[in-house]
């Protein structure tokens, strides 16, 4: 599957400021943030290094170049960024090939957005090869557009992925609701001017202007998202 920008979608839910919903993947829709850390721990163990558990909060949610680069520098491991990236992707693919648990409420939310024809995009810092594997579980039909971290010049925490998604859907970023689980993804969404629903996975996230924090996707439905946008206008 390749990433292409579809024809603009301008359909808006009647009576609501909500134009589209943009969803993160790892840790938001699929319970995989721990998979990445487990793979990193295994790879560096093979290189003779033990990762400090406190580093998990540093690398979570970021682009692979940042997280992998940090771990190489922190450990002094004798491996290049390109070599490590290949190993990380391979290890992660192996894990999701064995099991891919959805986050509580994810399937129900996707089904509701599809039922009411709300333009929806998957916006991830993961590479295209990973997204395409995960889509077999999430259902590619649930997304009008998917954006991978290796398909934009600058990925999260820069706003580019969310601005690209909004443009591809033909909507105003300020009228998009973004669902994210990490500070990195939230920074990207807020820099793009979107409203954010934070569902923290690894590290706590504080409420802020244009940001609502919930404990689970089970608290999020279409009525919640529409009400959130109305309240924040």
Protein backbone atom coordinates (compact mmCIF):
# COMPACT_ATOMS: atom_id res chain seq x y z
CA UNK A 1 0.00 0.00 0.00
CA UNK A 2 1.24 3.47 -0.81
CA UNK A 3 0.25 6.75 0.75
CA UNK A 4 -1.73 8.94 -1.60
CA UNK A 5 -3.73 12.07 -0.98
CA UNK A 6 -7.37 11.33 -1.83
CA UNK A 7 -9.81 13.75 -3.36
CA UNK A 8 -10.80 16.36 -0.76
CA UNK A 9 -13.59 15.37 1.57
CA UNK A 10 -15.61 18.32 2.82
CA UNK A 11 -18.53 16.48 4.39
CA UNK A 12 -19.16 17.75 7.94
CA UNK A 13 -21.39 16.25 10.60
CA UNK A 14 -24.50 18.41 10.68
CA UNK A 15 -24.77 20.64 13.72
CA UNK A 16 -21.14 20.04 14.71
CA UNK A 17 -17.88 21.90 14.25
CA UNK A 18 -16.13 18.55 13.87
CA UNK A 19 -14.85 17.95 10.33
CA UNK A 20 -12.50 15.00 10.79
CA UNK A 21 -10.87 12.70 13.33
CA UNK A 22 -7.13 12.02 13.14
CA UNK A 23 -5.85 9.04 15.10
CA UNK A 24 -2.41 8.00 16.26
CA UNK A 25 -1.63 4.28 16.05
CA UNK A 26 0.89 2.83 18.54
CA UNK A 27 -0.40 3.08 22.10
CA UNK A 28 -3.59 4.79 20.95
CA UNK A 29 -5.41 2.24 18.78
CA UNK A 30 -3.11 -0.76 19.24
CA UNK A 31 -1.40 -1.77 22.47
CA UNK A 32 2.11 -1.80 21.00
CA UNK A 33 4.17 0.85 22.81
CA UNK A 34 5.54 -1.92 25.04
CA UNK A 35 6.47 -3.94 21.94
CA UNK A 36 8.89 -1.24 20.77
CA UNK A 37 10.59 -1.09 24.16
CA UNK A 38 10.87 -4.88 24.39
CA UNK A 39 12.50 -4.99 20.95
CA UNK A 40 14.92 -2.21 21.89
CA UNK A 41 15.88 -4.00 25.11
CA UNK A 42 16.51 -7.28 23.23
CA UNK A 43 18.57 -5.69 20.47
CA UNK A 44 20.80 -3.76 22.84
CA UNK A 45 21.21 -6.81 25.07
CA UNK A 46 22.55 -8.60 22.03
CA UNK A 47 25.00 -5.73 21.60
CA UNK A 48 26.12 -6.08 25.20
CA UNK A 49 24.18 -3.17 26.68
CA UNK A 50 21.41 -2.91 29.26
CA UNK A 51 18.83 -0.18 28.74
CA UNK A 52 17.83 1.94 31.72
CA UNK A 53 14.08 1.68 32.22
CA UNK A 54 13.88 5.45 32.73
CA UNK A 55 14.85 5.89 29.07
CA UNK A 56 11.52 4.42 28.04
CA UNK A 57 9.85 7.76 28.68
CA UNK A 58 12.43 9.47 26.49
CA UNK A 59 11.96 7.27 23.43
CA UNK A 60 8.21 6.66 23.58
CA UNK A 61 6.11 8.18 20.82
CA UNK A 62 8.97 9.72 18.88
CA UNK A 63 10.27 9.11 15.38
CA UNK A 64 12.64 6.17 15.05
CA UNK A 65 15.57 8.40 14.13
CA UNK A 66 15.23 10.23 17.43
CA UNK A 67 14.63 7.25 19.70
CA UNK A 68 17.22 5.02 18.05
CA UNK A 69 19.74 7.86 17.96
CA UNK A 70 19.23 8.54 21.64
CA UNK A 71 19.77 4.89 22.58
CA UNK A 72 22.94 4.63 20.51
CA UNK A 73 24.35 7.75 22.12
CA UNK A 74 23.25 6.76 25.64
CA UNK A 75 24.78 3.27 25.44
CA UNK A 76 27.72 3.88 23.12
CA UNK A 77 26.67 0.78 21.16
CA UNK A 78 28.68 -0.08 18.06
CA UNK A 79 25.84 0.14 15.55
CA UNK A 80 24.74 2.71 13.00
CA UNK A 81 21.37 4.40 12.98
CA UNK A 82 20.50 2.73 9.66
CA UNK A 83 21.44 -0.74 10.98
CA UNK A 84 19.48 -0.25 14.17
CA UNK A 85 16.41 0.99 12.30
CA UNK A 86 16.33 -2.20 10.23
CA UNK A 87 16.60 -4.37 13.34
CA UNK A 88 13.88 -2.42 15.16
CA UNK A 89 11.41 -2.70 12.29
CA UNK A 90 12.12 -6.39 11.84
CA UNK A 91 11.74 -7.10 15.55
CA UNK A 92 8.50 -5.13 15.77
CA UNK A 93 7.02 -6.83 12.71
CA UNK A 94 7.81 -10.20 14.27
CA UNK A 95 5.90 -9.26 17.41
CA UNK A 96 2.81 -7.90 15.71
CA UNK A 97 2.80 -11.01 13.54
CA UNK A 98 2.29 -13.05 16.70
CA UNK A 99 -0.23 -10.82 18.50
CA UNK A 100 -1.70 -7.39 18.00
CA UNK A 101 -4.04 -6.35 20.83
CA UNK A 102 -6.31 -3.37 20.29
CA UNK A 103 -6.65 -0.74 22.99
CA UNK A 104 -9.97 -0.90 24.89
CA UNK A 105 -12.61 1.04 22.97
CA UNK A 106 -10.63 1.24 19.71
CA UNK A 107 -12.76 -1.11 17.63
CA UNK A 108 -15.99 0.49 18.84
CA UNK A 109 -14.75 4.02 18.09
CA UNK A 110 -13.58 3.12 14.58
CA UNK A 111 -16.87 1.41 13.84
CA UNK A 112 -18.85 4.44 15.01
CA UNK A 113 -16.79 6.89 12.95
CA UNK A 114 -17.27 4.67 9.89
CA UNK A 115 -21.01 4.30 10.51
CA UNK A 116 -21.50 8.08 10.57
CA UNK A 117 -19.06 8.65 7.69
CA UNK A 118 -16.75 10.90 9.68
CA UNK A 119 -13.56 11.48 7.63
CA UNK A 120 -10.86 9.64 9.54
CA UNK A 121 -7.09 9.42 9.10
CA UNK A 122 -4.42 7.28 10.72
CA UNK A 123 -1.37 9.44 11.48
CA UNK A 124 1.66 7.58 12.81
CA UNK A 125 5.41 8.06 13.27
CA UNK A 126 5.84 4.38 12.38
CA UNK A 127 7.12 3.50 8.92
CA UNK A 128 4.81 2.53 6.04
CA UNK A 129 5.77 -1.16 6.22
CA UNK A 130 4.62 -1.24 9.86
CA UNK A 131 1.40 0.68 9.25
CA UNK A 132 0.38 -1.64 6.42
CA UNK A 133 0.82 -4.67 8.70
CA UNK A 134 -1.24 -3.08 11.46
CA UNK A 135 -3.97 -2.02 9.02
CA UNK A 136 -4.83 -5.66 8.39
CA UNK A 137 -6.10 -5.70 11.98
CA UNK A 138 -7.50 -2.16 12.22
CA UNK A 139 -9.24 -2.39 8.85
CA UNK A 140 -8.01 -0.17 5.99
CA UNK A 141 -11.64 0.61 5.16
CA UNK A 142 -11.86 2.61 8.40
CA UNK A 143 -9.46 5.27 7.12
CA UNK A 144 -9.77 7.69 4.22
CA UNK A 145 -6.06 8.41 4.52
CA UNK A 146 -3.01 7.01 6.32
CA UNK A 147 0.20 8.95 6.97
CA UNK A 148 3.48 7.20 7.85
CA UNK A 149 6.49 8.71 9.56
CA UNK A 150 8.79 7.94 6.63
CA UNK A 151 6.50 9.72 4.16
CA UNK A 152 6.77 13.26 5.50
CA UNK A 153 9.82 15.50 5.58
CA UNK A 154 9.41 16.03 9.32
CA UNK A 155 7.45 13.66 11.52
CA UNK A 156 6.16 14.13 15.06
CA UNK A 157 6.70 16.31 17.13
CA UNK A 158 6.57 18.59 14.08
CA UNK A 159 3.07 19.47 12.83
CA UNK A 160 3.70 18.20 9.30
CA UNK A 161 1.94 14.80 9.59
CA UNK A 162 -1.27 16.34 10.91
CA UNK A 163 -1.21 19.23 8.47
CA UNK A 164 -0.71 16.70 5.64
CA UNK A 165 -3.63 14.61 6.88
CA UNK A 166 -5.96 17.59 7.18
CA UNK A 167 -5.02 18.79 3.70
CA UNK A 168 -5.56 15.32 2.29
CA UNK A 169 -9.04 15.17 3.80
CA UNK A 170 -9.83 18.70 2.66
CA UNK A 171 -10.55 19.95 6.18
CA UNK A 172 -9.46 22.73 8.50
CA UNK A 173 -6.93 21.49 11.12
CA UNK A 174 -8.66 23.69 13.69
CA UNK A 175 -11.82 21.64 13.16
CA UNK A 176 -10.09 18.28 13.56
CA UNK A 177 -10.03 16.17 16.70
CA UNK A 178 -6.76 14.31 17.22
CA UNK A 179 -6.45 11.32 19.55
CA UNK A 180 -2.90 10.75 20.85
CA UNK A 181 -1.16 8.93 23.69
CA UNK A 182 2.27 10.62 23.99
CA UNK A 183 3.66 14.11 24.53
CA UNK A 184 5.46 13.91 21.18
CA UNK A 185 2.28 13.25 19.24
CA UNK A 186 0.35 15.84 21.22
CA UNK A 187 3.00 18.46 20.44
CA UNK A 188 2.61 17.71 16.73
CA UNK A 189 -1.19 17.92 16.82
CA UNK A 190 -1.24 21.12 18.84
CA UNK A 191 1.38 22.74 16.61
CA UNK A 192 -0.92 21.94 13.67
CA UNK A 193 -3.77 23.76 15.46
CA UNK A 194 -5.91 20.70 16.16
CA UNK A 195 -8.00 19.90 19.22
CA UNK A 196 -6.43 17.03 21.15
CA UNK A 197 -7.81 14.15 23.18
CA UNK A 198 -4.94 12.64 25.15
CA UNK A 199 -5.12 9.00 26.25
CA UNK A 200 -1.79 8.54 28.09
CA UNK A 201 -0.14 5.15 27.59
CA UNK A 202 3.34 5.23 29.16
CA UNK A 203 3.90 8.70 30.62
CA UNK A 204 1.30 10.97 32.28
CA UNK A 205 -0.05 13.94 30.35
CA UNK A 206 -1.55 17.05 31.93
CA UNK A 207 -4.68 18.81 30.64
CA UNK A 208 -4.14 22.10 28.79
CA UNK A 209 -5.91 24.55 26.54
CA UNK A 210 -7.45 22.72 23.55
CA UNK A 211 -6.44 19.43 25.20
CA UNK A 212 -8.66 17.00 27.10
CA UNK A 213 -7.17 14.05 28.96
CA UNK A 214 -9.08 10.78 29.38
CA UNK A 215 -8.02 7.46 30.84
CA UNK A 216 -9.25 5.22 28.03
CA UNK A 217 -10.73 5.27 24.54
CA UNK A 218 -13.81 3.79 26.17
CA UNK A 219 -14.57 7.37 27.27
CA UNK A 220 -14.40 8.64 23.68
CA UNK A 221 -17.24 8.44 21.19
CA UNK A 222 -18.61 10.64 18.44
CA UNK A 223 -20.88 12.56 20.79
CA UNK A 224 -17.88 13.25 23.04
CA UNK A 225 -15.79 14.53 20.11
CA UNK A 226 -18.57 16.71 18.77
CA UNK A 227 -19.25 18.15 22.22
CA UNK A 228 -15.54 18.81 22.74
CA UNK A 229 -15.30 20.79 19.52
CA UNK A 230 -18.41 22.80 20.36
CA UNK A 231 -17.10 23.66 23.81
CA UNK A 232 -13.74 24.80 22.44
CA UNK A 233 -15.02 27.08 19.70
